[in-house]
Amino acid sequence: MTDETLEIQHYQKDGIGRFWAKVDGGEAELTYWLRDDDAMVIDHTYTPPEARGKNIARTLTERAVAEAQEYNLRIHPKCPYVDKLFQRRPEWASLRV
């Protein structure tokens, strides 16, 4: 499975959301919640052990960032993995809360 073939689903209700994809070993996911100040708090990413090393969590994060940009949201990367990605991606600096 490559980034191009990863079929990402998205669900959001009452300010709580999840991006996920079916992968080897189950589902990979990124979860978040929306604050009243138009910030997306990304609090969790998970990739099953069988699917690790394929940049799946990175792809889910990129999708969440694109969604935040589309809706003019800023991002609080509470998840340590997402925080590290933000440190490595200077083009995302203006999105960070």
PDB file of N, CA and C in Angstrom:
ATOM      1  N   MET A   1       0.847  -1.180   0.000  1.00  0.00           N
ATOM      2  CA  MET A   1       0.000   0.000   0.000  1.00  0.00           C
ATOM      3  C   MET A   1       0.889   1.238   0.000  1.00  0.00           C
ATOM      4  N   THR A   2       0.609   2.144  -0.904  1.00  0.00           N
ATOM      5  CA  THR A   2       1.364   3.391  -0.988  1.00  0.00           C
ATOM      6  C   THR A   2       0.466   4.564  -0.655  1.00  0.00           C
ATOM      7  N   ASP A   3       1.067   5.747  -0.514  1.00  0.00           N
ATOM      8  CA  ASP A   3       0.287   6.948  -0.228  1.00  0.00           C
ATOM      9  C   ASP A   3      -0.817   7.147  -1.258  1.00  0.00           C
ATOM     10  N   GLU A   4      -0.534   6.835  -2.516  1.00  0.00           N
ATOM     11  CA  GLU A   4      -1.497   7.075  -3.588  1.00  0.00           C
ATOM     12  C   GLU A   4      -2.710   6.149  -3.503  1.00  0.00           C
ATOM     13  N   THR A   5      -2.542   4.970  -2.901  1.00  0.00           N
ATOM     14  CA  THR A   5      -3.647   4.017  -2.849  1.00  0.00           C
ATOM     15  C   THR A   5      -4.359   4.002  -1.493  1.00  0.00           C
ATOM     16  N   LEU A   6      -3.913   4.817  -0.564  1.00  0.00           N
ATOM     17  CA  LEU A   6      -4.533   4.859   0.748  1.00  0.00           C
ATOM     18  C   LEU A   6      -5.868   5.591   0.647  1.00  0.00           C
ATOM     19  N   GLU A   7      -6.940   4.887   0.939  1.00  0.00           N
ATOM     20  CA  GLU A   7      -8.274   5.474   0.875  1.00  0.00           C
ATOM     21  C   GLU A   7      -8.648   5.992   2.261  1.00  0.00           C
ATOM     22  N   ILE A   8      -8.558   7.299   2.430  1.00  0.00           N
ATOM     23  CA  ILE A   8      -8.794   7.925   3.731  1.00  0.00           C
ATOM     24  C   ILE A   8     -10.253   8.316   3.868  1.00  0.00           C
ATOM     25  N   GLN A   9     -10.831   7.919   4.978  1.00  0.00           N
ATOM     26  CA  GLN A   9     -12.205   8.280   5.323  1.00  0.00           C
ATOM     27  C   GLN A   9     -12.149   9.389   6.372  1.00  0.00           C
ATOM     28  N   HIS A  10     -13.225  10.150   6.480  1.00  0.00           N
ATOM     29  CA  HIS A  10     -13.289  11.219   7.477  1.00  0.00           C
ATOM     30  C   HIS A  10     -14.684  11.263   8.080  1.00  0.00           C
ATOM     31  N   TYR A  11     -14.711  11.417   9.390  1.00  0.00           N
ATOM     32  CA  TYR A  11     -15.978  11.558  10.107  1.00  0.00           C
ATOM     33  C   TYR A  11     -15.798  12.637  11.151  1.00  0.00           C
ATOM     34  N   GLN A  12     -16.800  13.534  11.254  1.00  0.00           N
ATOM     35  CA  GLN A  12     -16.770  14.570  12.272  1.00  0.00           C
ATOM     36  C   GLN A  12     -18.191  14.871  12.707  1.00  0.00           C
ATOM     37  N   LYS A  13     -18.388  14.910  14.007  1.00  0.00           N
ATOM     38  CA  LYS A  13     -19.704  15.254  14.546  1.00  0.00           C
ATOM     39  C   LYS A  13     -19.502  15.953  15.880  1.00  0.00           C
ATOM     40  N   ASP A  14     -20.216  17.042  16.042  1.00  0.00           N
ATOM     41  CA  ASP A  14     -20.170  17.803  17.293  1.00  0.00           C
ATOM     42  C   ASP A  14     -18.747  18.163  17.710  1.00  0.00           C
ATOM     43  N   GLY A  15     -17.917  18.485  16.734  1.00  0.00           N
ATOM     44  CA  GLY A  15     -16.569  18.957  17.028  1.00  0.00           C
ATOM     45  C   GLY A  15     -15.539  17.893  17.326  1.00  0.00           C
ATOM     46  N   ILE A  16     -15.907  16.624  17.169  1.00  0.00           N
ATOM     47  CA  ILE A  16     -14.958  15.533  17.381  1.00  0.00           C
ATOM     48  C   ILE A  16     -14.827  14.783  16.064  1.00  0.00           C
ATOM     49  N   GLY A  17     -13.577  14.561  15.630  1.00  0.00           N
ATOM     50  CA  GLY A  17     -13.396  13.954  14.320  1.00  0.00           C
ATOM     51  C   GLY A  17     -12.318  12.894  14.272  1.00  0.00           C
ATOM     52  N   ARG A  18     -12.338  12.203  13.149  1.00  0.00           N
ATOM     53  CA  ARG A  18     -11.417  11.087  12.937  1.00  0.00           C
ATOM     54  C   ARG A  18     -11.168  10.917  11.444  1.00  0.00           C
ATOM     55  N   PHE A  19      -9.905  10.800  11.078  1.00  0.00           N
ATOM     56  CA  PHE A  19      -9.510  10.362   9.741  1.00  0.00           C
ATOM     57  C   PHE A  19      -9.005   8.942   9.921  1.00  0.00           C
ATOM     58  N   TRP A  20      -9.378   8.030   9.025  1.00  0.00           N
ATOM     59  CA  TRP A  20      -8.910   6.667   9.146  1.00  0.00           C
ATOM     60  C   TRP A  20      -8.832   6.007   7.778  1.00  0.00           C
ATOM     61  N   ALA A  21      -8.083   4.911   7.760  1.00  0.00           N
ATOM     62  CA  ALA A  21      -7.945   4.113   6.546  1.00  0.00           C
ATOM     63  C   ALA A  21      -7.760   2.658   6.945  1.00  0.00           C
ATOM     64  N   LYS A  22      -8.344   1.774   6.152  1.00  0.00           N
ATOM     65  CA  LYS A  22      -8.119   0.348   6.358  1.00  0.00           C
ATOM     66  C   LYS A  22      -6.740   0.011   5.820  1.00  0.00           C
ATOM     67  N   VAL A  23      -5.969  -0.673   6.656  1.00  0.00           N
ATOM     68  CA  VAL A  23      -4.594  -1.027   6.304  1.00  0.00           C
ATOM     69  C   VAL A  23      -4.328  -2.446   6.787  1.00  0.00           C
ATOM     70  N   ASP A  24      -3.161  -2.976   6.455  1.00  0.00           N
ATOM     71  CA  ASP A  24      -2.779  -4.289   6.977  1.00  0.00           C
ATOM     72  C   ASP A  24      -2.862  -4.252   8.497  1.00  0.00           C
ATOM     73  N   GLY A  25      -3.546  -5.201   9.082  1.00  0.00           N
ATOM     74  CA  GLY A  25      -3.636  -5.284  10.531  1.00  0.00           C
ATOM     75  C   GLY A  25      -4.799  -4.537  11.150  1.00  0.00           C
ATOM     76  N   GLY A  26      -5.610  -3.848  10.353  1.00  0.00           N
ATOM     77  CA  GLY A  26      -6.770  -3.149  10.914  1.00  0.00           C
ATOM     78  C   GLY A  26      -6.956  -1.760  10.342  1.00  0.00           C
ATOM     79  N   GLU A  27      -7.097  -0.778  11.230  1.00  0.00           N
ATOM     80  CA  GLU A  27      -7.305   0.607  10.808  1.00  0.00           C
ATOM     81  C   GLU A  27      -6.220   1.504  11.391  1.00  0.00           C
ATOM     82  N   ALA A  28      -5.733   2.394  10.554  1.00  0.00           N
ATOM     83  CA  ALA A  28      -4.866   3.476  11.016  1.00  0.00           C
ATOM     84  C   ALA A  28      -5.772   4.673  11.239  1.00  0.00           C
ATOM     85  N   GLU A  29      -5.455   5.505  12.232  1.00  0.00           N
ATOM     86  CA  GLU A  29      -6.329   6.631  12.500  1.00  0.00           C
ATOM     87  C   GLU A  29      -5.580   7.852  13.015  1.00  0.00           C
ATOM     88  N   LEU A  30      -6.234   8.980  12.854  1.00  0.00           N
ATOM     89  CA  LEU A  30      -5.832  10.247  13.448  1.00  0.00           C
ATOM     90  C   LEU A  30      -7.107  10.838  14.038  1.00  0.00           C
ATOM     91  N   THR A  31      -7.064  11.198  15.309  1.00  0.00           N
ATOM     92  CA  THR A  31      -8.254  11.766  15.938  1.00  0.00           C
ATOM     93  C   THR A  31      -7.989  13.211  16.338  1.00  0.00           C
ATOM     94  N   TYR A  32      -9.063  13.979  16.400  1.00  0.00           N
ATOM     95  CA  TYR A  32      -8.950  15.393  16.753  1.00  0.00           C
ATOM     96  C   TYR A  32     -10.250  15.892  17.349  1.00  0.00           C
ATOM     97  N   TRP A  33     -10.173  17.072  17.922  1.00  0.00           N
ATOM     98  CA  TRP A  33     -11.372  17.775  18.356  1.00  0.00           C
ATOM     99  C   TRP A  33     -11.178  19.241  18.022  1.00  0.00           C
ATOM    100  N   LEU A  34     -12.299  19.932  17.855  1.00  0.00           N
ATOM    101  CA  LEU A  34     -12.276  21.340  17.466  1.00  0.00           C
ATOM    102  C   LEU A  34     -12.552  22.217  18.681  1.00  0.00           C
ATOM    103  N   ARG A  35     -11.710  23.223  18.850  1.00  0.00           N
ATOM    104  CA  ARG A  35     -11.915  24.188  19.928  1.00  0.00           C
ATOM    105  C   ARG A  35     -12.758  25.342  19.418  1.00  0.00           C
ATOM    106  N   ASP A  36     -13.304  26.109  20.350  1.00  0.00           N
ATOM    107  CA  ASP A  36     -14.134  27.260  19.994  1.00  0.00           C
ATOM    108  C   ASP A  36     -13.352  28.366  19.291  1.00  0.00           C
ATOM    109  N   ASP A  37     -12.024  28.360  19.422  1.00  0.00           N
ATOM    110  CA  ASP A  37     -11.210  29.395  18.784  1.00  0.00           C
ATOM    111  C   ASP A  37     -10.718  28.982  17.391  1.00  0.00           C
ATOM    112  N   ASP A  38     -11.460  28.112  16.733  1.00  0.00           N
ATOM    113  CA  ASP A  38     -11.127  27.640  15.382  1.00  0.00           C
ATOM    114  C   ASP A  38      -9.782  26.923  15.310  1.00  0.00           C
ATOM    115  N   ALA A  39      -9.518  26.122  16.313  1.00  0.00           N
ATOM    116  CA  ALA A  39      -8.307  25.303  16.314  1.00  0.00           C
ATOM    117  C   ALA A  39      -8.681  23.834  16.299  1.00  0.00           C
ATOM    118  N   MET A  40      -7.939  23.068  15.510  1.00  0.00           N
ATOM    119  CA  MET A  40      -8.071  21.616  15.457  1.00  0.00           C
ATOM    120  C   MET A  40      -6.983  21.042  16.369  1.00  0.00           C
ATOM    121  N   VAL A  41      -7.387  20.357  17.411  1.00  0.00           N
ATOM    122  CA  VAL A  41      -6.436  19.740  18.334  1.00  0.00           C
ATOM    123  C   VAL A  41      -6.273  18.284  17.909  1.00  0.00           C
ATOM    124  N   ILE A  42      -5.124  17.979  17.323  1.00  0.00           N
ATOM    125  CA  ILE A  42      -4.849  16.602  16.908  1.00  0.00           C
ATOM    126  C   ILE A  42      -4.216  15.901  18.100  1.00  0.00           C
ATOM    127  N   ASP A  43      -4.946  14.932  18.654  1.00  0.00           N
ATOM    128  CA  ASP A  43      -4.507  14.336  19.908  1.00  0.00           C
ATOM    129  C   ASP A  43      -4.014  12.891  19.802  1.00  0.00           C
ATOM    130  N   HIS A  44      -4.128  12.288  18.633  1.00  0.00           N
ATOM    131  CA  HIS A  44      -3.779  10.858  18.578  1.00  0.00           C
ATOM    132  C   HIS A  44      -3.584  10.402  17.135  1.00  0.00           C
ATOM    133  N   THR A  45      -2.553   9.603  16.927  1.00  0.00           N
ATOM    134  CA  THR A  45      -2.400   8.864  15.667  1.00  0.00           C
ATOM    135  C   THR A  45      -2.068   7.417  16.033  1.00  0.00           C
ATOM    136  N   TYR A  46      -2.490   6.519  15.169  1.00  0.00           N
ATOM    137  CA  TYR A  46      -2.194   5.109  15.395  1.00  0.00           C
ATOM    138  C   TYR A  46      -2.114   4.399  14.053  1.00  0.00           C
ATOM    139  N   THR A  47      -1.091   3.558  13.924  1.00  0.00           N
ATOM    140  CA  THR A  47      -0.955   2.671  12.775  1.00  0.00           C
ATOM    141  C   THR A  47      -0.690   1.264  13.318  1.00  0.00           C
ATOM    142  N   PRO A  48      -1.447   0.256  12.884  1.00  0.00           N
ATOM    143  CA  PRO A  48      -1.188  -1.106  13.360  1.00  0.00           C
ATOM    144  C   PRO A  48       0.250  -1.524  13.041  1.00  0.00           C
ATOM    145  N   PRO A  49       0.841  -2.341  13.901  1.00  0.00           N
ATOM    146  CA  PRO A  49       2.233  -2.764  13.686  1.00  0.00           C
ATOM    147  C   PRO A  49       2.495  -3.335  12.288  1.00  0.00           C
ATOM    148  N   GLU A  50       1.540  -4.069  11.732  1.00  0.00           N
ATOM    149  CA  GLU A  50       1.723  -4.697  10.420  1.00  0.00           C
ATOM    150  C   GLU A  50       1.848  -3.664   9.293  1.00  0.00           C
ATOM    151  N   ALA A  51       1.375  -2.454   9.529  1.00  0.00           N
ATOM    152  CA  ALA A  51       1.368  -1.428   8.477  1.00  0.00           C
ATOM    153  C   ALA A  51       2.375  -0.307   8.727  1.00  0.00           C
ATOM    154  N   ARG A  52       3.150  -0.408   9.767  1.00  0.00           N
ATOM    155  CA  ARG A  52       4.108   0.662  10.092  1.00  0.00           C
ATOM    156  C   ARG A  52       5.245   0.701   9.089  1.00  0.00           C
ATOM    157  N   GLY A  53       5.841   1.884   8.968  1.00  0.00           N
ATOM    158  CA  GLY A  53       6.950   2.073   8.050  1.00  0.00           C
ATOM    159  C   GLY A  53       6.515   2.422   6.635  1.00  0.00           C
ATOM    160  N   LYS A  54       5.249   2.684   6.442  1.00  0.00           N
ATOM    161  CA  LYS A  54       4.718   2.992   5.112  1.00  0.00           C
ATOM    162  C   LYS A  54       4.197   4.421   5.010  1.00  0.00           C
ATOM    163  N   ASN A  55       4.557   5.267   5.976  1.00  0.00           N
ATOM    164  CA  ASN A  55       4.160   6.684   5.992  1.00  0.00           C
ATOM    165  C   ASN A  55       2.657   6.900   6.079  1.00  0.00           C
ATOM    166  N   ILE A  56       1.951   5.977   6.666  1.00  0.00           N
ATOM    167  CA  ILE A  56       0.498   6.089   6.754  1.00  0.00           C
ATOM    168  C   ILE A  56       0.098   7.198   7.718  1.00  0.00           C
ATOM    169  N   ALA A  57       0.722   7.263   8.889  1.00  0.00           N
ATOM    170  CA  ALA A  57       0.391   8.329   9.842  1.00  0.00           C
ATOM    171  C   ALA A  57       0.723   9.694   9.245  1.00  0.00           C
ATOM    172  N   ARG A  58       1.808   9.776   8.499  1.00  0.00           N
ATOM    173  CA  ARG A  58       2.159  11.034   7.830  1.00  0.00           C
ATOM    174  C   ARG A  58       1.077  11.423   6.831  1.00  0.00           C
ATOM    175  N   THR A  59       0.599  10.464   6.075  1.00  0.00           N
ATOM    176  CA  THR A  59      -0.435  10.738   5.075  1.00  0.00           C
ATOM    177  C   THR A  59      -1.736  11.185   5.744  1.00  0.00           C
ATOM    178  N   LEU A  60      -2.102  10.549   6.845  1.00  0.00           N
ATOM    179  CA  LEU A  60      -3.295  10.973   7.578  1.00  0.00           C
ATOM    180  C   LEU A  60      -3.120  12.400   8.111  1.00  0.00           C
ATOM    181  N   THR A  61      -1.932  12.711   8.592  1.00  0.00           N
ATOM    182  CA  THR A  61      -1.656  14.060   9.096  1.00  0.00           C
ATOM    183  C   THR A  61      -1.738  15.082   7.973  1.00  0.00           C
ATOM    184  N   GLU A  62      -1.175  14.761   6.836  1.00  0.00           N
ATOM    185  CA  GLU A  62      -1.243  15.680   5.687  1.00  0.00           C
ATOM    186  C   GLU A  62      -2.690  15.936   5.286  1.00  0.00           C
ATOM    187  N   ARG A  63      -3.515  14.918   5.348  1.00  0.00           N
ATOM    188  CA  ARG A  63      -4.931  15.084   5.025  1.00  0.00           C
ATOM    189  C   ARG A  63      -5.613  15.997   6.043  1.00  0.00           C
ATOM    190  N   ALA A  64      -5.299  15.814   7.334  1.00  0.00           N
ATOM    191  CA  ALA A  64      -5.872  16.675   8.378  1.00  0.00           C
ATOM    192  C   ALA A  64      -5.417  18.120   8.200  1.00  0.00           C
ATOM    193  N   VAL A  65      -4.158  18.317   7.858  1.00  0.00           N
ATOM    194  CA  VAL A  65      -3.647  19.672   7.618  1.00  0.00           C
ATOM    195  C   VAL A  65      -4.367  20.305   6.430  1.00  0.00           C
ATOM    196  N   ALA A  66      -4.567  19.555   5.370  1.00  0.00           N
ATOM    197  CA  ALA A  66      -5.281  20.081   4.197  1.00  0.00           C
ATOM    198  C   ALA A  66      -6.709  20.469   4.573  1.00  0.00           C
ATOM    199  N   GLU A  67      -7.345  19.655   5.392  1.00  0.00           N
ATOM    200  CA  GLU A  67      -8.711  19.951   5.843  1.00  0.00           C
ATOM    201  C   GLU A  67      -8.720  21.232   6.687  1.00  0.00           C
ATOM    202  N   ALA A  68      -7.755  21.356   7.571  1.00  0.00           N
ATOM    203  CA  ALA A  68      -7.664  22.563   8.404  1.00  0.00           C
ATOM    204  C   ALA A  68      -7.468  23.804   7.534  1.00  0.00           C
ATOM    205  N   GLN A  69      -6.607  23.701   6.542  1.00  0.00           N
ATOM    206  CA  GLN A  69      -6.383  24.833   5.643  1.00  0.00           C
ATOM    207  C   GLN A  69      -7.665  25.192   4.888  1.00  0.00           C
ATOM    208  N   GLU A  70      -8.384  24.194   4.438  1.00  0.00           N
ATOM    209  CA  GLU A  70      -9.609  24.435   3.680  1.00  0.00           C
ATOM    210  C   GLU A  70     -10.647  25.198   4.505  1.00  0.00           C
ATOM    211  N   TYR A  71     -10.693  24.921   5.801  1.00  0.00           N
ATOM    212  CA  TYR A  71     -11.695  25.552   6.664  1.00  0.00           C
ATOM    213  C   TYR A  71     -11.108  26.657   7.559  1.00  0.00           C
ATOM    214  N   ASN A  72      -9.911  27.125   7.193  1.00  0.00           N
ATOM    215  CA  ASN A  72      -9.251  28.218   7.929  1.00  0.00           C
ATOM    216  C   ASN A  72      -9.111  27.926   9.420  1.00  0.00           C
ATOM    217  N   LEU A  73      -8.694  26.713   9.731  1.00  0.00           N
ATOM    218  CA  LEU A  73      -8.447  26.320  11.108  1.00  0.00           C
ATOM    219  C   LEU A  73      -6.948  26.337  11.382  1.00  0.00           C
ATOM    220  N   ARG A  74      -6.591  26.574  12.621  1.00  0.00           N
ATOM    221  CA  ARG A  74      -5.206  26.419  13.046  1.00  0.00           C
ATOM    222  C   ARG A  74      -5.106  25.067  13.736  1.00  0.00           C
ATOM    223  N   ILE A  75      -3.895  24.601  13.948  1.00  0.00           N
ATOM    224  CA  ILE A  75      -3.705  23.255  14.492  1.00  0.00           C
ATOM    225  C   ILE A  75      -2.870  23.295  15.764  1.00  0.00           C
ATOM    226  N   HIS A  76      -3.361  22.584  16.768  1.00  0.00           N
ATOM    227  CA  HIS A  76      -2.591  22.335  17.985  1.00  0.00           C
ATOM    228  C   HIS A  76      -2.175  20.868  17.935  1.00  0.00           C
ATOM    229  N   PRO A  77      -0.909  20.600  17.600  1.00  0.00           N
ATOM    230  CA  PRO A  77      -0.455  19.208  17.477  1.00  0.00           C
ATOM    231  C   PRO A  77      -0.113  18.599  18.842  1.00  0.00           C
ATOM    232  N   LYS A  78      -1.125  18.165  19.551  1.00  0.00           N
ATOM    233  CA  LYS A  78      -0.954  17.572  20.882  1.00  0.00           C
ATOM    234  C   LYS A  78      -0.315  16.182  20.802  1.00  0.00           C
ATOM    235  N   CYS A  79      -0.565  15.460  19.746  1.00  0.00           N
ATOM    236  CA  CYS A  79       0.041  14.147  19.526  1.00  0.00           C
ATOM    237  C   CYS A  79       1.541  14.336  19.273  1.00  0.00           C
ATOM    238  N   PRO A  80       2.411  13.611  19.987  1.00  0.00           N
ATOM    239  CA  PRO A  80       3.855  13.771  19.795  1.00  0.00           C
ATOM    240  C   PRO A  80       4.319  13.527  18.353  1.00  0.00           C
ATOM    241  N   TYR A  81       3.731  12.565  17.680  1.00  0.00           N
ATOM    242  CA  TYR A  81       4.109  12.303  16.287  1.00  0.00           C
ATOM    243  C   TYR A  81       3.788  13.499  15.402  1.00  0.00           C
ATOM    244  N   VAL A  82       2.591  14.047  15.542  1.00  0.00           N
ATOM    245  CA  VAL A  82       2.191  15.193  14.724  1.00  0.00           C
ATOM    246  C   VAL A  82       3.038  16.408  15.074  1.00  0.00           C
ATOM    247  N   ASP A  83       3.367  16.580  16.342  1.00  0.00           N
ATOM    248  CA  ASP A  83       4.239  17.674  16.762  1.00  0.00           C
ATOM    249  C   ASP A  83       5.595  17.574  16.050  1.00  0.00           C
ATOM    250  N   LYS A  84       6.159  16.378  15.968  1.00  0.00           N
ATOM    251  CA  LYS A  84       7.437  16.186  15.273  1.00  0.00           C
ATOM    252  C   LYS A  84       7.308  16.513  13.789  1.00  0.00           C
ATOM    253  N   LEU A  85       6.203  16.116  13.180  1.00  0.00           N
ATOM    254  CA  LEU A  85       6.003  16.464  11.767  1.00  0.00           C
ATOM    255  C   LEU A  85       5.955  17.976  11.579  1.00  0.00           C
ATOM    256  N   PHE A  86       5.288  18.672  12.486  1.00  0.00           N
ATOM    257  CA  PHE A  86       5.228  20.132  12.397  1.00  0.00           C
ATOM    258  C   PHE A  86       6.622  20.744  12.520  1.00  0.00           C
ATOM    259  N   GLN A  87       7.461  20.180  13.353  1.00  0.00           N
ATOM    260  CA  GLN A  87       8.827  20.679  13.496  1.00  0.00           C
ATOM    261  C   GLN A  87       9.633  20.475  12.214  1.00  0.00           C
ATOM    262  N   ARG A  88       9.320  19.427  11.476  1.00  0.00           N
ATOM    263  CA  ARG A  88      10.037  19.110  10.233  1.00  0.00           C
ATOM    264  C   ARG A  88       9.450  19.787   8.999  1.00  0.00           C
ATOM    265  N   ARG A  89       8.276  20.388   9.137  1.00  0.00           N
ATOM    266  CA  ARG A  89       7.593  20.991   7.994  1.00  0.00           C
ATOM    267  C   ARG A  89       7.410  22.499   8.223  1.00  0.00           C
ATOM    268  N   PRO A  90       8.417  23.301   7.930  1.00  0.00           N
ATOM    269  CA  PRO A  90       8.320  24.746   8.188  1.00  0.00           C
ATOM    270  C   PRO A  90       7.162  25.413   7.451  1.00  0.00           C
ATOM    271  N   GLU A  91       6.700  24.815   6.361  1.00  0.00           N
ATOM    272  CA  GLU A  91       5.580  25.397   5.628  1.00  0.00           C
ATOM    273  C   GLU A  91       4.269  25.305   6.412  1.00  0.00           C
ATOM    274  N   TRP A  92       4.239  24.530   7.474  1.00  0.00           N
ATOM    275  CA  TRP A  92       3.062  24.415   8.314  1.00  0.00           C
ATOM    276  C   TRP A  92       3.102  25.366   9.520  1.00  0.00           C
ATOM    277  N   ALA A  93       4.195  26.077   9.710  1.00  0.00           N
ATOM    278  CA  ALA A  93       4.392  26.890  10.916  1.00  0.00           C
ATOM    279  C   ALA A  93       3.250  27.885  11.133  1.00  0.00           C
ATOM    280  N   SER A  94       2.738  28.473  10.090  1.00  0.00           N
ATOM    281  CA  SER A  94       1.676  29.478  10.249  1.00  0.00           C
ATOM    282  C   SER A  94       0.344  28.868  10.695  1.00  0.00           C
ATOM    283  N   LEU A  95       0.214  27.559  10.599  1.00  0.00           N
ATOM    284  CA  LEU A  95      -1.014  26.877  11.026  1.00  0.00           C
ATOM    285  C   LEU A  95      -1.004  26.520  12.497  1.00  0.00           C
ATOM    286  N   ARG A  96       0.185  26.521  13.089  1.00  0.00           N
ATOM    287  CA  ARG A  96       0.329  26.054  14.463  1.00  0.00           C
ATOM    288  C   ARG A  96      -0.224  27.047  15.466  1.00  0.00           C
ATOM    289  N   VAL A  97      -0.982  26.535  16.446  1.00  0.00           N
ATOM    290  CA  VAL A  97      -1.506  27.377  17.528  1.00  0.00           C
ATOM    291  C   VAL A  97      -0.377  27.644  18.493  1.00  0.00           C
TER     292      VAL A  97
END
